[in-house]
Protein backbone atom coordinates (compact mmCIF):
# COMPACT_ATOMS: atom_id res chain seq x y z
CA MET A 1 101.08 -57.95 -108.43
CA ASN A 2 102.16 -59.10 -111.86
CA PHE A 3 102.22 -56.21 -114.34
CA GLU A 4 102.45 -58.33 -117.47
CA PRO A 5 99.42 -58.64 -119.76
CA LEU A 6 97.52 -61.89 -119.30
CA ILE A 7 98.52 -63.16 -122.73
CA ASN A 8 102.21 -62.95 -121.72
CA ARG A 9 101.50 -65.19 -118.73
CA MET A 10 100.03 -67.98 -120.87
CA SER A 11 101.96 -70.95 -122.17
CA THR A 12 103.12 -70.91 -125.78
CA GLU A 13 100.89 -73.92 -126.44
CA ASP A 14 97.82 -72.05 -125.18
CA VAL A 15 98.62 -68.97 -127.25
CA ASN A 16 98.97 -71.20 -130.31
CA ARG A 17 95.56 -72.73 -129.58
CA MET A 18 94.05 -69.26 -129.53
CA LEU A 19 95.71 -68.45 -132.85
CA GLU A 20 94.21 -71.63 -134.35
CA TYR A 21 90.81 -70.62 -132.96
CA THR A 22 91.27 -67.20 -134.60
CA GLN A 23 91.72 -68.83 -137.99
CA THR A 24 88.31 -70.49 -137.66
CA TYR A 25 86.57 -67.63 -135.81
CA PRO A 26 88.48 -64.47 -136.77
CA ASN A 27 86.32 -61.89 -135.01
CA SER A 28 85.89 -63.74 -131.71
CA GLY A 29 89.49 -64.92 -131.69
CA GLN A 30 90.96 -61.49 -132.38
CA LYS A 31 88.74 -59.91 -129.73
CA LEU A 32 89.92 -62.53 -127.23
CA ILE A 33 93.58 -61.90 -128.07
CA ASN A 34 93.10 -58.12 -127.88
CA THR A 35 91.39 -58.40 -124.50
CA LEU A 36 94.13 -60.61 -123.06
CA THR A 37 96.77 -58.22 -124.40
CA GLU A 38 95.10 -55.26 -122.67
CA SER A 39 94.16 -57.00 -119.39
CA TYR A 40 96.43 -57.55 -116.41
CA VAL A 41 94.07 -59.18 -113.90
CA TRP A 42 91.95 -62.19 -114.86
CA LEU A 43 89.26 -61.15 -112.37
CA ASP A 44 88.52 -58.15 -114.61
CA LEU A 45 87.61 -60.32 -117.60
CA LYS A 46 84.06 -59.92 -118.86
CA TYR A 47 81.67 -62.81 -119.31
CA ASP A 48 82.06 -62.88 -123.10
CA THR A 49 85.83 -63.26 -122.73
CA VAL A 50 85.38 -66.11 -120.25
CA CYS A 51 82.97 -67.76 -122.71
CA SER A 52 85.55 -67.47 -125.50
CA LEU A 53 88.24 -68.93 -123.24
CA ASN A 54 85.91 -71.85 -122.56
CA ASP A 55 85.32 -72.28 -126.31
CA VAL A 56 89.06 -72.49 -126.94
CA PHE A 57 90.23 -74.45 -123.90
CA GLY A 58 87.12 -76.20 -122.57
CA CYS A 59 88.12 -74.94 -119.14
CA GLY A 60 84.66 -74.19 -117.78
CA TYR A 61 83.60 -71.03 -116.02
CA ASN A 62 84.87 -71.45 -112.48
CA PRO A 63 87.57 -69.11 -111.19
CA SER A 64 90.21 -71.75 -110.52
CA ALA A 65 90.05 -73.04 -114.10
CA ILE A 66 90.34 -69.56 -115.56
CA SER A 67 93.19 -68.54 -113.26
CA ASN A 68 95.18 -71.67 -114.20
CA LEU A 69 95.44 -70.42 -117.78
CA PHE A 70 97.59 -67.50 -116.65
CA GLU A 71 100.09 -69.10 -114.30
CA THR A 72 102.68 -70.35 -116.75
CA LYS A 73 104.80 -68.58 -119.26
């Protein structure tokens, strides 16, 4: 099991996209970043977090799309 927070397992490009999203939507973006900093397993993400990820990345809601966000560093 990987014991790094989810945000640390994202690519730099994806983290930068979330930061840009935070400039436009400060509350939602900061909540998303906080959640990914405190979470270690993507399966534990709540629906609102998955919705925010879809807003930022257009990845959809299926598990394989969400899990792909956290494979690279």
